[in-house]
């Protein structure tokens, strides 16, 4: 399995979650063994100029916090892009570390249907309108090299257009939207044909009072003999022992009972989250 994240340039520099994800990348028990980050660098964030969006020269500078290699590549050169992507995949598979591919490109049209980029970026968009689209640029090169003929190129374009047209035509035949199917990402056989869940039965998960008492006693005792514990902690353990005796629970003891009963069945439990290591929460 290889995780690939696709980012926009402004988001990559501006969203805190990117920085946080980089710092999770190499933590024990959390690592993905390296993510490939692909930044579609349009050199513009909605209507924001890079000079107004970040303080660093590159949007990808945030990746330096984990010393990830960053490849800046001209997206108008498909062969260079392919080369860089192969190197990135090889890096990730060899070293199991994050790697970033910065596709330096441009956005030909507005951010959405309502956005006219000429209003906010007239100079940039005058230049963009003069740019030959990458497909034409690369096709012309391949035809000039004799790698493909004009006829082969036109056939490929026609084939692709046909796929799109046929899909568009088929989409009009769909009268029922099975929204549940893609919202819930169900497993095969989880739903019936009409999208309703099959009747699910839940096995009884209760455990005997004897076992609960045992877990409560273990949770309120110290495993090592003559082990000197903090007075604050001994108060908590004493209160827990009293609760077990009186057949009452608070949130913490109830959690202990849940974890303890699962552990008793030989199932590994890993706690994660805020301060679990020192047991504060």
Protein backbone atom coordinates (compact mmCIF):
# COMPACT_ATOMS: atom_id res chain seq x y z
CA UNK A 1 0.00 0.00 0.00
CA UNK A 2 1.29 3.45 -0.83
CA UNK A 3 -0.43 6.63 0.31
CA UNK A 4 -0.50 9.54 -2.13
CA UNK A 5 -1.83 12.95 -1.10
CA UNK A 6 -2.79 15.57 -3.66
CA UNK A 7 -2.54 19.20 -2.54
CA UNK A 8 -3.04 22.68 -3.94
CA UNK A 9 -0.11 25.08 -3.52
CA UNK A 10 -1.93 27.59 -1.29
CA UNK A 11 -3.38 24.81 0.88
CA UNK A 12 -0.01 23.09 1.22
CA UNK A 13 1.57 26.25 2.60
CA UNK A 14 -1.45 27.51 4.52
CA UNK A 15 -3.27 24.60 6.12
CA UNK A 16 -2.08 23.53 9.55
CA UNK A 17 -3.12 19.93 8.93
CA UNK A 18 -0.29 19.59 6.36
CA UNK A 19 2.38 20.47 8.95
CA UNK A 20 0.71 18.21 11.52
CA UNK A 21 0.55 15.29 9.09
CA UNK A 22 4.27 15.63 8.33
CA UNK A 23 5.00 15.40 12.05
CA UNK A 24 2.87 12.25 12.36
CA UNK A 25 4.73 10.69 9.44
CA UNK A 26 7.52 9.09 11.47
CA UNK A 27 5.92 8.52 14.87
CA UNK A 28 6.00 4.98 16.24
CA UNK A 29 2.65 3.21 15.66
CA UNK A 30 1.41 6.01 13.39
CA UNK A 31 3.75 6.00 10.41
CA UNK A 32 2.45 5.28 6.92
CA UNK A 33 6.03 4.36 5.94
CA UNK A 34 6.20 7.43 3.74
CA UNK A 35 3.58 9.42 1.86
CA UNK A 36 4.05 10.85 -1.62
CA UNK A 37 2.76 14.42 -1.60
CA UNK A 38 1.87 15.80 -5.05
CA UNK A 39 1.40 19.58 -5.08
CA UNK A 40 -0.48 20.98 -8.07
CA UNK A 41 1.24 24.33 -7.94
CA UNK A 42 -0.94 26.75 -9.91
CA UNK A 43 1.07 29.66 -8.48
CA UNK A 44 -2.19 31.12 -7.22
CA UNK A 45 -4.55 30.31 -4.33
CA UNK A 46 -8.10 31.07 -5.52
CA UNK A 47 -7.32 34.75 -6.25
CA UNK A 48 -4.36 35.18 -3.88
CA UNK A 49 -0.91 35.98 -5.17
CA UNK A 50 1.86 33.84 -3.57
CA UNK A 51 3.50 37.03 -2.21
CA UNK A 52 0.36 37.62 -0.14
CA UNK A 53 -0.19 33.99 0.84
CA UNK A 54 3.06 32.87 2.49
CA UNK A 55 6.47 34.06 3.67
CA UNK A 56 8.59 31.28 2.12
CA UNK A 57 9.76 31.20 -1.51
CA UNK A 58 8.16 27.81 -2.23
CA UNK A 59 4.78 26.49 -1.05
CA UNK A 60 6.52 23.18 -0.33
CA UNK A 61 9.02 24.61 2.20
CA UNK A 62 6.83 23.25 5.01
CA UNK A 63 8.06 19.75 4.06
CA UNK A 64 11.55 20.70 5.24
CA UNK A 65 10.48 20.08 8.83
CA UNK A 66 11.00 16.35 8.25
CA UNK A 67 13.82 16.77 5.70
CA UNK A 68 11.62 15.32 2.95
CA UNK A 69 13.16 15.58 -0.52
CA UNK A 70 11.24 18.12 -2.61
CA UNK A 71 11.26 17.91 -6.41
CA UNK A 72 10.21 21.03 -8.30
CA UNK A 73 9.32 20.06 -11.85
CA UNK A 74 7.97 21.95 -14.87
CA UNK A 75 4.53 20.41 -15.44
CA UNK A 76 4.68 21.44 -19.10
CA UNK A 77 7.31 18.72 -19.54
CA UNK A 78 5.44 15.38 -19.09
CA UNK A 79 8.59 13.28 -19.40
CA UNK A 80 10.32 15.24 -16.62
CA UNK A 81 7.19 14.83 -14.48
CA UNK A 82 7.19 11.06 -15.07
CA UNK A 83 10.90 10.85 -14.26
CA UNK A 84 10.45 12.77 -10.99
CA UNK A 85 7.42 10.67 -10.00
CA UNK A 86 9.41 7.48 -10.55
CA UNK A 87 12.25 8.82 -8.40
CA UNK A 88 9.73 9.81 -5.70
CA UNK A 89 8.15 6.33 -5.69
CA UNK A 90 11.59 4.71 -5.54
CA UNK A 91 12.65 7.01 -2.67
CA UNK A 92 9.52 6.19 -0.71
CA UNK A 93 9.89 2.43 -1.24
CA UNK A 94 13.60 2.45 -0.41
CA UNK A 95 13.64 4.72 2.65
CA UNK A 96 9.98 4.68 3.80
CA UNK A 97 10.02 8.46 4.19
CA UNK A 98 7.79 11.24 2.88
CA UNK A 99 8.64 12.84 -0.46
CA UNK A 100 7.16 15.85 -2.26
CA UNK A 101 6.59 16.46 -5.98
CA UNK A 102 5.91 20.12 -6.75
CA UNK A 103 4.26 20.34 -10.18
CA UNK A 104 4.95 23.93 -11.21
CA UNK A 105 2.08 24.74 -13.56
CA UNK A 106 -0.76 27.22 -14.05
CA UNK A 107 -4.53 27.31 -13.92
CA UNK A 108 -6.01 28.16 -17.29
CA UNK A 109 -9.51 29.06 -16.13
CA UNK A 110 -11.11 30.51 -13.00
CA UNK A 111 -11.25 28.92 -9.59
CA UNK A 112 -14.91 28.08 -10.26
CA UNK A 113 -17.67 28.96 -12.71
CA UNK A 114 -18.25 32.36 -11.08
CA UNK A 115 -14.61 33.39 -10.94
CA UNK A 116 -13.13 35.50 -13.75
CA UNK A 117 -9.38 35.53 -13.05
CA UNK A 118 -8.84 38.52 -15.36
CA UNK A 119 -10.44 40.71 -12.65
CA UNK A 120 -7.84 39.94 -10.00
CA UNK A 121 -4.82 38.67 -11.99
CA UNK A 122 -4.87 40.47 -15.36
CA UNK A 123 -1.10 40.33 -16.02
CA UNK A 124 -0.78 36.65 -15.11
CA UNK A 125 -3.81 35.65 -17.18
CA UNK A 126 -2.62 37.55 -20.26
CA UNK A 127 0.50 35.36 -20.10
CA UNK A 128 -1.52 32.18 -19.49
CA UNK A 129 -3.74 32.79 -22.53
CA UNK A 130 -0.59 32.90 -24.68
CA UNK A 131 0.60 29.51 -23.32
CA UNK A 132 0.25 26.52 -25.64
CA UNK A 133 -1.66 23.80 -23.67
CA UNK A 134 0.58 20.97 -22.48
CA UNK A 135 -1.22 18.29 -24.52
CA UNK A 136 -0.70 20.19 -27.78
CA UNK A 137 2.88 21.08 -26.89
CA UNK A 138 3.80 17.46 -26.15
CA UNK A 139 1.85 16.07 -29.13
CA UNK A 140 3.65 18.47 -31.49
CA UNK A 141 7.01 17.33 -30.07
CA UNK A 142 6.17 13.62 -30.49
CA UNK A 143 4.89 14.17 -34.03
CA UNK A 144 8.00 16.19 -34.93
CA UNK A 145 10.20 13.41 -33.48
CA UNK A 146 8.31 10.82 -35.51
CA UNK A 147 7.36 8.94 -32.31
CA UNK A 148 3.67 9.12 -33.25
CA UNK A 149 1.88 10.20 -36.40
CA UNK A 150 -0.72 12.97 -36.53
CA UNK A 151 -3.33 10.32 -37.37
CA UNK A 152 -2.46 8.23 -34.27
CA UNK A 153 -2.71 11.32 -32.09
CA UNK A 154 -6.09 12.31 -33.51
CA UNK A 155 -7.39 8.75 -33.07
CA UNK A 156 -6.38 8.79 -29.39
CA UNK A 157 -8.13 12.12 -28.83
CA UNK A 158 -11.27 10.85 -30.61
CA UNK A 159 -11.19 7.67 -28.51
CA UNK A 160 -11.01 9.66 -25.29
CA UNK A 161 -13.77 12.05 -26.39
CA UNK A 162 -15.94 9.06 -27.22
CA UNK A 163 -15.48 7.58 -23.72
CA UNK A 164 -16.52 10.92 -22.18
CA UNK A 165 -19.51 11.34 -24.50
CA UNK A 166 -20.76 7.80 -23.89
CA UNK A 167 -20.46 8.23 -20.11
CA UNK A 168 -22.36 11.52 -20.34
CA UNK A 169 -25.14 9.88 -22.37
CA UNK A 170 -25.35 6.95 -19.94
CA UNK A 171 -25.55 9.33 -16.98
CA UNK A 172 -28.87 10.65 -18.31
CA UNK A 173 -30.38 7.16 -18.09
CA UNK A 174 -29.79 6.99 -14.34
CA UNK A 175 -33.06 7.94 -12.73
CA UNK A 176 -32.33 6.71 -9.19
CA UNK A 177 -29.41 8.05 -7.20
CA UNK A 178 -27.90 5.44 -4.90
CA UNK A 179 -26.29 8.07 -2.71
CA UNK A 180 -26.04 5.69 0.23
CA UNK A 181 -23.79 3.41 -1.78
CA UNK A 182 -21.01 5.92 -2.12
CA UNK A 183 -21.61 7.76 1.14
CA UNK A 184 -21.24 4.70 3.31
CA UNK A 185 -18.65 2.82 1.26
CA UNK A 186 -20.40 -0.43 2.21
CA UNK A 187 -18.69 -3.80 2.20
CA UNK A 188 -20.06 -6.29 -0.35
CA UNK A 189 -23.21 -7.93 1.02
CA UNK A 190 -23.54 -5.36 3.80
CA UNK A 191 -26.59 -3.74 2.20
CA UNK A 192 -29.57 -5.30 0.45
CA UNK A 193 -30.20 -4.47 -3.22
CA UNK A 194 -32.31 -1.40 -2.43
CA UNK A 195 -29.58 0.07 -0.25
CA UNK A 196 -31.00 -0.83 3.15
CA UNK A 197 -28.75 -2.52 5.73
CA UNK A 198 -29.52 -6.18 6.30
CA UNK A 199 -30.87 -6.92 9.74
CA UNK A 200 -27.87 -7.02 12.02
CA UNK A 201 -27.81 -9.07 15.17
CA UNK A 202 -25.43 -8.15 17.96
CA UNK A 203 -24.03 -10.99 20.05
CA UNK A 204 -24.40 -10.52 23.83
CA UNK A 205 -21.30 -8.75 25.15
CA UNK A 206 -22.09 -8.80 28.88
CA UNK A 207 -19.66 -10.36 31.36
CA UNK A 208 -20.16 -11.84 34.80
CA UNK A 209 -20.07 -9.71 37.95
CA UNK A 210 -17.27 -11.94 39.21
CA UNK A 211 -15.12 -10.95 36.23
CA UNK A 212 -16.02 -7.25 36.65
CA UNK A 213 -15.00 -7.42 40.32
CA UNK A 214 -11.72 -9.10 39.35
CA UNK A 215 -10.93 -6.37 36.78
CA UNK A 216 -11.90 -3.65 39.29
CA UNK A 217 -9.58 -5.13 41.91
CA UNK A 218 -6.69 -5.43 39.45
CA UNK A 219 -7.31 -1.84 38.25
CA UNK A 220 -7.07 -0.56 41.84
CA UNK A 221 -3.99 -2.50 42.92
CA UNK A 222 -0.23 -2.09 42.46
CA UNK A 223 1.36 -5.03 40.62
CA UNK A 224 4.77 -4.85 42.32
CA UNK A 225 5.30 -5.60 46.04
CA UNK A 226 6.55 -2.73 48.24
CA UNK A 227 6.32 -0.36 45.30
CA UNK A 228 6.17 3.25 46.52
CA UNK A 229 3.52 5.12 44.59
CA UNK A 230 2.59 8.80 44.53
CA UNK A 231 0.13 9.72 47.30
CA UNK A 232 -2.24 11.33 44.77
CA UNK A 233 -2.31 8.10 42.82
CA UNK A 234 -2.85 5.93 45.88
CA UNK A 235 -5.97 8.01 46.68
CA UNK A 236 -7.34 7.29 43.19
CA UNK A 237 -6.62 3.57 43.52
CA UNK A 238 -8.25 3.47 46.95
CA UNK A 239 -11.37 5.21 45.63
CA UNK A 240 -11.47 2.76 42.74
CA UNK A 241 -11.25 -0.19 45.13
CA UNK A 242 -14.12 1.24 47.19
CA UNK A 243 -16.26 1.68 44.05
CA UNK A 244 -15.65 -1.92 43.01
CA UNK A 245 -16.66 -3.06 46.51
CA UNK A 246 -19.82 -0.91 46.43
CA UNK A 247 -20.76 -2.07 42.89
CA UNK A 248 -20.61 1.45 41.38
CA UNK A 249 -18.47 2.83 38.53
CA UNK A 250 -17.33 6.19 37.19
CA UNK A 251 -16.20 6.83 33.59
CA UNK A 252 -12.59 5.82 34.25
CA UNK A 253 -13.46 2.56 35.99
CA UNK A 254 -16.03 1.73 33.30
CA UNK A 255 -13.29 2.19 30.68
CA UNK A 256 -10.96 -0.05 32.71
CA UNK A 257 -13.65 -2.72 32.81
CA UNK A 258 -14.13 -2.47 29.03
CA UNK A 259 -10.39 -2.65 28.26
CA UNK A 260 -9.80 -5.30 30.91
CA UNK A 261 -12.53 -7.60 29.59
CA UNK A 262 -11.11 -7.33 26.07
CA UNK A 263 -7.58 -8.05 27.34
CA UNK A 264 -8.90 -11.06 29.26
CA UNK A 265 -9.97 -12.49 25.90
CA UNK A 266 -6.39 -12.11 24.66
CA UNK A 267 -7.11 -9.16 22.39
CA UNK A 268 -4.39 -6.49 22.19
CA UNK A 269 -5.53 -2.99 23.18
CA UNK A 270 -3.62 0.10 22.09
CA UNK A 271 -4.58 3.41 23.66
CA UNK A 272 -3.90 6.55 21.71
CA UNK A 273 -4.78 10.16 22.26
CA UNK A 274 -4.13 12.94 24.71
CA UNK A 275 -1.94 12.02 27.69
CA UNK A 276 -2.81 8.32 27.66
CA UNK A 277 0.80 7.37 28.39
CA UNK A 278 0.73 9.02 31.82
CA UNK A 279 -2.88 8.04 32.34
CA UNK A 280 -4.26 11.55 32.89
CA UNK A 281 -7.37 10.98 30.79
